[in-house]
Each structure stands twice: as structure tokens, then as C-alpha cells.
């Protein structure tokens, strides 16, 4: 299943990348300022396609001191990013930190190659120079970081964001975990809200013997009937359009 996309601080990313960035900011003890996020195909020519898929982010460090830049880089590497400080001497760009989330399911081909270069202790550039960042984290992933830190800061994900990919998965799967579980619970809670009234409070959980995915399909049909839409039981553009009117953001 693809990573669930969201817009966070006006930057398109996915939930896994956001969780990693929140953890890195906690280590750095300050928020990052983003230049470019993910899923930005053709957006910045100098990026060479590394931001076409998921897991990629550029962080503005123009105003940071060399020590601060290195501290940001170290925080990112500690949580599982392949990350480097990019300088004006290396290319036609300002000072920034370029980071790729190791293990992201949506990496572009260019980003995946950079991860391999990182693991080979290289700089991820065309010249294939030696890595110039703090060593010791080439094998780190987000999952390994979570295992060593079982109580990280919860991902700062907007409560009003619903992923279409997560909804498609939730319609056929029963687990109430991951992005699909969170978004399914969010849609059901919205449907039961007094301002919507598509279902009752008692219908926010399945009846005995009814699986979550079938219950979710029934909820979607009731939402569609409430708003005069064809009762398909699928989270489609009709439901998305209604939820946008209530202030929700619908992502891919």
C-alpha cells in the first residue's frame, strides 16, 4: 500500500515522513522551515527527480550557523533520513539540507539511488564524493528508531486530512491501525457529528459479528443517502466534495 499523503505546514509529504520530521525537530528542539516537500514532479530542476515521489524534503538553513546546520543534519540522520547539507559551491542552490526518508514506499528512482549512495557513505551527488556529514547512522531507519524510542512524539498530522489511498484500503481491511484506521475512524466520527447526522452515535462501531470493513461500507452508503448521492459504499469524489464543505482536506 502506498504511503498516505497529507499537506503539513503547507508542504506536501506523507504521514511517515511527517512523523520522522516531528521526531527530528524534537531532537533539534526547534521547528524546521521547508523549501520543498515530496510528490513534486518537475517542480525544481536541480532536484534531478528526487522529489518526484515520497520521502523527500528540503530544509532551509540559509540563516543557520554551521553548527546549527550540522545539528539539523544529525537530528535527521538519527531518525532514519539519508541527509546532507547542500552548499552553493556544490550546485545552483542556496544552503539547505536535502533529506530522503530511508525505507519510504514511494521513493522516486533518483531518491532510492541516493539512499543507496548514503549507505555507501557517499554524498548523493553526481560526483559520487565521500559523505561529508556526521557518520554512524548509515543503517538507521525510522522503524529502528521507533524500536529504540518506543514513546516518540505523536505525528503532528492535521485532524482534518483524509487520504483517498487510506480510504480505499480501509474499505476492504479490518485492522484499525495505520493511516487507514485513523482516517476511517475520522470519517465515521464526522458522519456521526450532530452537524452531519448521517449515522447515530451507536453506529460509530460495528454491531456484533460485523467486520470493520463491511461496517465502513455501510457508513459510507448512509453518508451518500444523507447527501443525495448514489449509494455505492465507496469513498469517492461525491463524499470527498461533501467533506471539503465541512473543512476537510482530501489527499491522494
C-alpha atoms as a PDB file:
ATOM      1  CA  UNK A   1       0.000   0.000   0.000  1.00  0.00           C
ATOM      2  CA  UNK A   2       1.369   3.482  -0.859  1.00  0.00           C
ATOM      3  CA  UNK A   3       2.193   5.947   1.880  1.00  0.00           C
ATOM      4  CA  UNK A   4      -0.748   8.171   2.898  1.00  0.00           C
ATOM      5  CA  UNK A   5      -0.180  11.701   1.601  1.00  0.00           C
ATOM      6  CA  UNK A   6      -1.011  14.851   3.534  1.00  0.00           C
ATOM      7  CA  UNK A   7      -0.310  18.577   3.370  1.00  0.00           C
ATOM      8  CA  UNK A   8       1.533  19.631   6.517  1.00  0.00           C
ATOM      9  CA  UNK A   9       2.705  23.212   7.126  1.00  0.00           C
ATOM     10  CA  UNK A  10       1.789  23.962   3.517  1.00  0.00           C
ATOM     11  CA  UNK A  11       4.135  21.212   2.317  1.00  0.00           C
ATOM     12  CA  UNK A  12       3.044  18.000   0.594  1.00  0.00           C
ATOM     13  CA  UNK A  13       4.535  14.969   2.343  1.00  0.00           C
ATOM     14  CA  UNK A  14       3.264  11.647   3.633  1.00  0.00           C
ATOM     15  CA  UNK A  15       2.402  10.593   7.170  1.00  0.00           C
ATOM     16  CA  UNK A  16       5.552   8.541   7.723  1.00  0.00           C
ATOM     17  CA  UNK A  17       7.794  11.430   6.652  1.00  0.00           C
ATOM     18  CA  UNK A  18       5.860  13.843   8.890  1.00  0.00           C
ATOM     19  CA  UNK A  19       6.296  11.531  11.884  1.00  0.00           C
ATOM     20  CA  UNK A  20      10.036  11.373  11.193  1.00  0.00           C
ATOM     21  CA  UNK A  21      10.295  15.160  10.888  1.00  0.00           C
ATOM     22  CA  UNK A  22       8.415  15.677  14.167  1.00  0.00           C
ATOM     23  CA  UNK A  23      10.864  13.341  15.922  1.00  0.00           C
ATOM     24  CA  UNK A  24      13.854  15.113  14.340  1.00  0.00           C
ATOM     25  CA  UNK A  25      12.515  18.517  15.397  1.00  0.00           C
ATOM     26  CA  UNK A  26      12.210  17.232  18.947  1.00  0.00           C
ATOM     27  CA  UNK A  27      15.904  16.249  18.856  1.00  0.00           C
ATOM     28  CA  UNK A  28      16.867  19.624  17.379  1.00  0.00           C
ATOM     29  CA  UNK A  29      14.473  21.417  19.769  1.00  0.00           C
ATOM     30  CA  UNK A  30      13.125  23.738  17.116  1.00  0.00           C
ATOM     31  CA  UNK A  31      10.914  23.620  14.033  1.00  0.00           C
ATOM     32  CA  UNK A  32      12.296  23.311  10.523  1.00  0.00           C
ATOM     33  CA  UNK A  33      11.420  25.588   7.623  1.00  0.00           C
ATOM     34  CA  UNK A  34      10.695  23.660   4.421  1.00  0.00           C
ATOM     35  CA  UNK A  35      11.740  24.691   0.926  1.00  0.00           C
ATOM     36  CA  UNK A  36      10.319  21.708  -0.928  1.00  0.00           C
ATOM     37  CA  UNK A  37       8.442  18.569   0.025  1.00  0.00           C
ATOM     38  CA  UNK A  38       7.524  15.370  -1.789  1.00  0.00           C
ATOM     39  CA  UNK A  39       5.412  14.380  -4.828  1.00  0.00           C
ATOM     40  CA  UNK A  40       6.703  17.475  -6.638  1.00  0.00           C
ATOM     41  CA  UNK A  41       7.364  16.044 -10.089  1.00  0.00           C
ATOM     42  CA  UNK A  42       9.214  18.514 -12.271  1.00  0.00           C
ATOM     43  CA  UNK A  43       8.997  21.166  -9.558  1.00  0.00           C
ATOM     44  CA  UNK A  44      12.687  22.004  -9.118  1.00  0.00           C
ATOM     45  CA  UNK A  45      15.040  21.087 -11.948  1.00  0.00           C
ATOM     46  CA  UNK A  46      18.121  20.967  -9.703  1.00  0.00           C
ATOM     47  CA  UNK A  47      16.490  18.202  -7.653  1.00  0.00           C
ATOM     48  CA  UNK A  48      17.014  15.737 -10.518  1.00  0.00           C
ATOM     49  CA  UNK A  49      13.762  13.919  -9.821  1.00  0.00           C
ATOM     50  CA  UNK A  50      14.498  13.054  -6.184  1.00  0.00           C
ATOM     51  CA  UNK A  51      11.333  14.861  -5.069  1.00  0.00           C
ATOM     52  CA  UNK A  52       9.076  13.232  -7.689  1.00  0.00           C
ATOM     53  CA  UNK A  53       7.940  10.595  -5.175  1.00  0.00           C
ATOM     54  CA  UNK A  54       7.567  10.425  -1.413  1.00  0.00           C
ATOM     55  CA  UNK A  55      10.015  10.676   1.481  1.00  0.00           C
ATOM     56  CA  UNK A  56      11.889  13.722   0.176  1.00  0.00           C
ATOM     57  CA  UNK A  57      12.209  17.127   1.830  1.00  0.00           C
ATOM     58  CA  UNK A  58      14.492  20.143   1.586  1.00  0.00           C
ATOM     59  CA  UNK A  59      15.018  22.289   4.709  1.00  0.00           C
ATOM     60  CA  UNK A  60      16.050  25.937   4.601  1.00  0.00           C
ATOM     61  CA  UNK A  61      19.275  26.551   6.561  1.00  0.00           C
ATOM     62  CA  UNK A  62      20.445  29.772   4.893  1.00  0.00           C
ATOM     63  CA  UNK A  63      20.257  31.728   8.159  1.00  0.00           C
ATOM     64  CA  UNK A  64      21.591  28.975  10.401  1.00  0.00           C
ATOM     65  CA  UNK A  65      25.197  28.844  11.577  1.00  0.00           C
ATOM     66  CA  UNK A  66      27.440  25.949  10.516  1.00  0.00           C
ATOM     67  CA  UNK A  67      26.911  24.369  13.956  1.00  0.00           C
ATOM     68  CA  UNK A  68      23.120  24.676  13.659  1.00  0.00           C
ATOM     69  CA  UNK A  69      23.156  23.189  10.164  1.00  0.00           C
ATOM     70  CA  UNK A  70      25.124  20.222  11.400  1.00  0.00           C
ATOM     71  CA  UNK A  71      22.765  19.792  14.359  1.00  0.00           C
ATOM     72  CA  UNK A  72      19.759  19.687  11.998  1.00  0.00           C
ATOM     73  CA  UNK A  73      21.554  17.170   9.801  1.00  0.00           C
ATOM     74  CA  UNK A  74      22.423  14.987  12.780  1.00  0.00           C
ATOM     75  CA  UNK A  75      18.831  15.014  14.054  1.00  0.00           C
ATOM     76  CA  UNK A  76      17.538  13.923  10.650  1.00  0.00           C
ATOM     77  CA  UNK A  77      20.072  11.119  10.339  1.00  0.00           C
ATOM     78  CA  UNK A  78      19.287   9.861  13.828  1.00  0.00           C
ATOM     79  CA  UNK A  79      15.630   9.216  12.935  1.00  0.00           C
ATOM     80  CA  UNK A  80      16.323   7.496   9.616  1.00  0.00           C
ATOM     81  CA  UNK A  81      16.846  10.112   6.913  1.00  0.00           C
ATOM     82  CA  UNK A  82      19.626   9.938   4.352  1.00  0.00           C
ATOM     83  CA  UNK A  83      20.515  13.603   4.628  1.00  0.00           C
ATOM     84  CA  UNK A  84      23.215  16.029   3.539  1.00  0.00           C
ATOM     85  CA  UNK A  85      23.973  19.747   3.792  1.00  0.00           C
ATOM     86  CA  UNK A  86      23.894  21.209   0.279  1.00  0.00           C
ATOM     87  CA  UNK A  87      26.014  24.308  -0.309  1.00  0.00           C
ATOM     88  CA  UNK A  88      26.098  26.934  -3.103  1.00  0.00           C
ATOM     89  CA  UNK A  89      29.543  25.627  -4.038  1.00  0.00           C
ATOM     90  CA  UNK A  90      28.009  22.247  -4.954  1.00  0.00           C
ATOM     91  CA  UNK A  91      25.304  23.481  -7.300  1.00  0.00           C
ATOM     92  CA  UNK A  92      22.877  26.236  -8.276  1.00  0.00           C
ATOM     93  CA  UNK A  93      21.047  26.339  -4.961  1.00  0.00           C
ATOM     94  CA  UNK A  94      21.197  28.128  -1.584  1.00  0.00           C
ATOM     95  CA  UNK A  95      22.288  26.428   1.639  1.00  0.00           C
ATOM     96  CA  UNK A  96      19.765  23.752   2.517  1.00  0.00           C
ATOM     97  CA  UNK A  97      19.539  20.256   3.961  1.00  0.00           C
ATOM     98  CA  UNK A  98      18.386  17.638   1.482  1.00  0.00           C
ATOM     99  CA  UNK A  99      16.794  14.612   3.165  1.00  0.00           C
ATOM    100  CA  UNK A 100      15.352  11.310   1.928  1.00  0.00           C
ATOM    101  CA  UNK A 101      13.393   9.025   4.266  1.00  0.00           C
ATOM    102  CA  UNK A 102      15.084   5.617   4.154  1.00  0.00           C
ATOM    103  CA  UNK A 103      12.547   2.855   3.528  1.00  0.00           C
ATOM    104  CA  UNK A 104       9.747   5.087   2.226  1.00  0.00           C
ATOM    105  CA  UNK A 105       7.428   3.087  -0.051  1.00  0.00           C
ATOM    106  CA  UNK A 106       7.003   5.952  -2.524  1.00  0.00           C
ATOM    107  CA  UNK A 107      10.635   6.912  -3.208  1.00  0.00           C
ATOM    108  CA  UNK A 108      11.365   8.067  -6.747  1.00  0.00           C
ATOM    109  CA  UNK A 109      14.118   6.242  -8.615  1.00  0.00           C
ATOM    110  CA  UNK A 110      16.501   9.144  -8.025  1.00  0.00           C
ATOM    111  CA  UNK A 111      15.752   9.224  -4.299  1.00  0.00           C
ATOM    112  CA  UNK A 112      16.226   5.451  -3.996  1.00  0.00           C
ATOM    113  CA  UNK A 113      19.626   5.766  -5.663  1.00  0.00           C
ATOM    114  CA  UNK A 114      20.583   8.489  -3.190  1.00  0.00           C
ATOM    115  CA  UNK A 115      19.672   6.198  -0.291  1.00  0.00           C
ATOM    116  CA  UNK A 116      21.974   3.527  -1.733  1.00  0.00           C
ATOM    117  CA  UNK A 117      24.751   6.114  -2.093  1.00  0.00           C
ATOM    118  CA  UNK A 118      24.203   7.218   1.506  1.00  0.00           C
ATOM    119  CA  UNK A 119      24.620   3.638   2.706  1.00  0.00           C
ATOM    120  CA  UNK A 120      27.870   3.521   0.713  1.00  0.00           C
ATOM    121  CA  UNK A 121      28.984   6.628   2.648  1.00  0.00           C
ATOM    122  CA  UNK A 122      28.797   8.926  -0.375  1.00  0.00           C
ATOM    123  CA  UNK A 123      27.376  12.424  -0.781  1.00  0.00           C
ATOM    124  CA  UNK A 124      24.443  11.562  -3.069  1.00  0.00           C
ATOM    125  CA  UNK A 125      25.622  13.944  -5.788  1.00  0.00           C
ATOM    126  CA  UNK A 126      26.613  13.162  -9.376  1.00  0.00           C
ATOM    127  CA  UNK A 127      30.321  13.365  -8.481  1.00  0.00           C
ATOM    128  CA  UNK A 128      29.837  10.494  -6.006  1.00  0.00           C
ATOM    129  CA  UNK A 129      32.092  12.192  -3.471  1.00  0.00           C
ATOM    130  CA  UNK A 130      32.636  10.988   0.077  1.00  0.00           C
ATOM    131  CA  UNK A 131      29.913  11.685   2.615  1.00  0.00           C
ATOM    132  CA  UNK A 132      30.591  14.953   4.432  1.00  0.00           C
ATOM    133  CA  UNK A 133      28.072  14.554   7.257  1.00  0.00           C
ATOM    134  CA  UNK A 134      28.197  13.006  10.740  1.00  0.00           C
ATOM    135  CA  UNK A 135      28.916   9.261  10.361  1.00  0.00           C
ATOM    136  CA  UNK A 136      27.418   6.380  12.266  1.00  0.00           C
ATOM    137  CA  UNK A 137      23.796   6.369  11.059  1.00  0.00           C
ATOM    138  CA  UNK A 138      24.043   4.769   7.611  1.00  0.00           C
ATOM    139  CA  UNK A 139      21.967   1.770   8.701  1.00  0.00           C
ATOM    140  CA  UNK A 140      19.326   3.731  10.598  1.00  0.00           C
ATOM    141  CA  UNK A 141      15.644   3.578   9.616  1.00  0.00           C
ATOM    142  CA  UNK A 142      12.514   5.078  11.132  1.00  0.00           C
ATOM    143  CA  UNK A 143      11.434   1.639  12.295  1.00  0.00           C
ATOM    144  CA  UNK A 144      14.727   1.066  14.108  1.00  0.00           C
ATOM    145  CA  UNK A 145      14.432   4.490  15.725  1.00  0.00           C
ATOM    146  CA  UNK A 146      10.913   3.684  16.946  1.00  0.00           C
ATOM    147  CA  UNK A 147      12.117   0.383  18.368  1.00  0.00           C
ATOM    148  CA  UNK A 148      14.794   2.197  20.380  1.00  0.00           C
ATOM    149  CA  UNK A 149      12.410   5.033  21.341  1.00  0.00           C
ATOM    150  CA  UNK A 150       9.016   3.404  21.989  1.00  0.00           C
ATOM    151  CA  UNK A 151       7.315   6.635  23.037  1.00  0.00           C
ATOM    152  CA  UNK A 152       8.154   9.223  20.357  1.00  0.00           C
ATOM    153  CA  UNK A 153       6.271  12.464  19.851  1.00  0.00           C
ATOM    154  CA  UNK A 154       2.982  11.646  18.056  1.00  0.00           C
ATOM    155  CA  UNK A 155       2.919  12.723  14.405  1.00  0.00           C
ATOM    156  CA  UNK A 156       1.545  16.252  14.106  1.00  0.00           C
ATOM    157  CA  UNK A 157      -0.989  15.272  11.458  1.00  0.00           C
ATOM    158  CA  UNK A 158      -3.963  17.555  10.837  1.00  0.00           C
ATOM    159  CA  UNK A 159      -7.213  16.052  12.147  1.00  0.00           C
ATOM    160  CA  UNK A 160      -8.984  17.353   9.047  1.00  0.00           C
ATOM    161  CA  UNK A 161      -6.923  15.426   6.487  1.00  0.00           C
ATOM    162  CA  UNK A 162      -8.327  12.302   4.806  1.00  0.00           C
ATOM    163  CA  UNK A 163      -6.269  10.136   2.439  1.00  0.00           C
ATOM    164  CA  UNK A 164      -8.040   8.511  -0.526  1.00  0.00           C
ATOM    165  CA  UNK A 165      -5.490   5.682  -0.556  1.00  0.00           C
ATOM    166  CA  UNK A 166      -6.149   5.013   3.115  1.00  0.00           C
ATOM    167  CA  UNK A 167      -9.909   5.023   2.497  1.00  0.00           C
ATOM    168  CA  UNK A 168      -9.593   2.503  -0.333  1.00  0.00           C
ATOM    169  CA  UNK A 169      -7.616   0.215   1.969  1.00  0.00           C
ATOM    170  CA  UNK A 170      -9.996   0.702   4.903  1.00  0.00           C
ATOM    171  CA  UNK A 171     -12.950  -0.338   2.762  1.00  0.00           C
ATOM    172  CA  UNK A 172     -11.530  -3.876   2.373  1.00  0.00           C
ATOM    173  CA  UNK A 173      -9.444  -4.374   5.533  1.00  0.00           C
ATOM    174  CA  UNK A 174     -10.437  -4.722   9.179  1.00  0.00           C
ATOM    175  CA  UNK A 175      -7.348  -3.571  11.105  1.00  0.00           C
ATOM    176  CA  UNK A 176      -7.868  -0.276  12.967  1.00  0.00           C
ATOM    177  CA  UNK A 177      -4.197   0.636  12.755  1.00  0.00           C
ATOM    178  CA  UNK A 178      -2.066   2.801  10.497  1.00  0.00           C
ATOM    179  CA  UNK A 179      -3.331   5.680   8.367  1.00  0.00           C
ATOM    180  CA  UNK A 180      -6.366   3.731   7.136  1.00  0.00           C
ATOM    181  CA  UNK A 181      -7.545   3.042  10.687  1.00  0.00           C
ATOM    182  CA  UNK A 182      -7.068   6.653  11.785  1.00  0.00           C
ATOM    183  CA  UNK A 183      -8.778   8.083   8.707  1.00  0.00           C
ATOM    184  CA  UNK A 184     -11.614   5.541   8.861  1.00  0.00           C
ATOM    185  CA  UNK A 185     -12.285   6.493  12.492  1.00  0.00           C
ATOM    186  CA  UNK A 186     -12.174  10.173  11.495  1.00  0.00           C
ATOM    187  CA  UNK A 187     -14.732   9.718   8.690  1.00  0.00           C
ATOM    188  CA  UNK A 188     -17.054   7.698  10.935  1.00  0.00           C
ATOM    189  CA  UNK A 189     -16.832  10.303  13.711  1.00  0.00           C
ATOM    190  CA  UNK A 190     -17.624  13.036  11.152  1.00  0.00           C
ATOM    191  CA  UNK A 191     -20.645  11.071   9.874  1.00  0.00           C
ATOM    192  CA  UNK A 192     -21.982  10.823  13.445  1.00  0.00           C
ATOM    193  CA  UNK A 193     -21.415  14.502  14.286  1.00  0.00           C
ATOM    194  CA  UNK A 194     -24.661  16.358  15.084  1.00  0.00           C
ATOM    195  CA  UNK A 195     -23.975  18.806  12.238  1.00  0.00           C
ATOM    196  CA  UNK A 196     -23.879  15.876   9.788  1.00  0.00           C
ATOM    197  CA  UNK A 197     -26.206  13.288  11.303  1.00  0.00           C
ATOM    198  CA  UNK A 198     -25.674  10.598   8.672  1.00  0.00           C
ATOM    199  CA  UNK A 199     -25.370   7.920  11.385  1.00  0.00           C
ATOM    200  CA  UNK A 200     -26.111   7.720  15.092  1.00  0.00           C
ATOM    201  CA  UNK A 201     -23.520   7.631  17.848  1.00  0.00           C
ATOM    202  CA  UNK A 202     -24.271   3.919  18.335  1.00  0.00           C
ATOM    203  CA  UNK A 203     -23.263   3.300  14.713  1.00  0.00           C
ATOM    204  CA  UNK A 204     -19.702   4.515  15.202  1.00  0.00           C
ATOM    205  CA  UNK A 205     -18.709   0.898  15.971  1.00  0.00           C
ATOM    206  CA  UNK A 206     -19.791  -2.293  14.175  1.00  0.00           C
ATOM    207  CA  UNK A 207     -22.592  -4.437  15.512  1.00  0.00           C
ATOM    208  CA  UNK A 208     -21.617  -7.810  16.969  1.00  0.00           C
ATOM    209  CA  UNK A 209     -20.339 -10.134  14.263  1.00  0.00           C
ATOM    210  CA  UNK A 210     -19.914  -7.371  11.659  1.00  0.00           C
ATOM    211  CA  UNK A 211     -16.396  -6.729  10.376  1.00  0.00           C
ATOM    212  CA  UNK A 212     -14.942  -3.217  10.349  1.00  0.00           C
ATOM    213  CA  UNK A 213     -14.613  -3.053   6.565  1.00  0.00           C
ATOM    214  CA  UNK A 214     -18.262  -4.023   5.985  1.00  0.00           C
ATOM    215  CA  UNK A 215     -19.382  -1.611   8.679  1.00  0.00           C
ATOM    216  CA  UNK A 216     -17.387   1.154   6.995  1.00  0.00           C
ATOM    217  CA  UNK A 217     -19.079   0.446   3.649  1.00  0.00           C
ATOM    218  CA  UNK A 218     -22.471   0.739   5.348  1.00  0.00           C
ATOM    219  CA  UNK A 219     -21.474   4.045   6.918  1.00  0.00           C
ATOM    220  CA  UNK A 220     -20.383   5.376   3.522  1.00  0.00           C
ATOM    221  CA  UNK A 221     -23.728   4.363   1.988  1.00  0.00           C
ATOM    222  CA  UNK A 222     -25.586   6.189   4.752  1.00  0.00           C
ATOM    223  CA  UNK A 223     -23.464   9.285   4.145  1.00  0.00           C
ATOM    224  CA  UNK A 224     -24.259   9.099   0.437  1.00  0.00           C
ATOM    225  CA  UNK A 225     -28.000   8.710   1.105  1.00  0.00           C
ATOM    226  CA  UNK A 226     -27.910  11.610   3.565  1.00  0.00           C
ATOM    227  CA  UNK A 227     -26.468  13.921   0.904  1.00  0.00           C
ATOM    228  CA  UNK A 228     -28.434  12.596  -2.070  1.00  0.00           C
ATOM    229  CA  UNK A 229     -25.560  10.686  -3.657  1.00  0.00           C
ATOM    230  CA  UNK A 230     -25.713   7.243  -5.332  1.00  0.00           C
ATOM    231  CA  UNK A 231     -25.250   4.637  -2.529  1.00  0.00           C
ATOM    232  CA  UNK A 232     -22.015   2.956  -3.642  1.00  0.00           C
ATOM    233  CA  UNK A 233     -20.339   2.377  -0.271  1.00  0.00           C
ATOM    234  CA  UNK A 234     -17.121   3.766  -1.774  1.00  0.00           C
ATOM    235  CA  UNK A 235     -15.231   6.840  -0.617  1.00  0.00           C
ATOM    236  CA  UNK A 236     -15.471   8.644  -3.944  1.00  0.00           C
ATOM    237  CA  UNK A 237     -15.470  12.200  -5.232  1.00  0.00           C
ATOM    238  CA  UNK A 238     -19.053  12.745  -4.092  1.00  0.00           C
ATOM    239  CA  UNK A 239     -18.208  12.100  -0.435  1.00  0.00           C
ATOM    240  CA  UNK A 240     -14.912  13.971  -0.804  1.00  0.00           C
ATOM    241  CA  UNK A 241     -16.759  17.044  -2.106  1.00  0.00           C
ATOM    242  CA  UNK A 242     -19.154  16.965   0.864  1.00  0.00           C
ATOM    243  CA  UNK A 243     -16.323  16.641   3.382  1.00  0.00           C
ATOM    244  CA  UNK A 244     -14.475  19.554   1.799  1.00  0.00           C
ATOM    245  CA  UNK A 245     -17.516  21.714   2.549  1.00  0.00           C
ATOM    246  CA  UNK A 246     -17.030  20.815   6.207  1.00  0.00           C
ATOM    247  CA  UNK A 247     -13.397  21.968   6.106  1.00  0.00           C
ATOM    248  CA  UNK A 248     -11.670  18.646   5.418  1.00  0.00           C
ATOM    249  CA  UNK A 249      -8.621  18.278   3.180  1.00  0.00           C
ATOM    250  CA  UNK A 250      -8.760  15.268   0.869  1.00  0.00           C
ATOM    251  CA  UNK A 251      -5.351  13.975  -0.243  1.00  0.00           C
ATOM    252  CA  UNK A 252      -4.289  11.266  -2.687  1.00  0.00           C
END
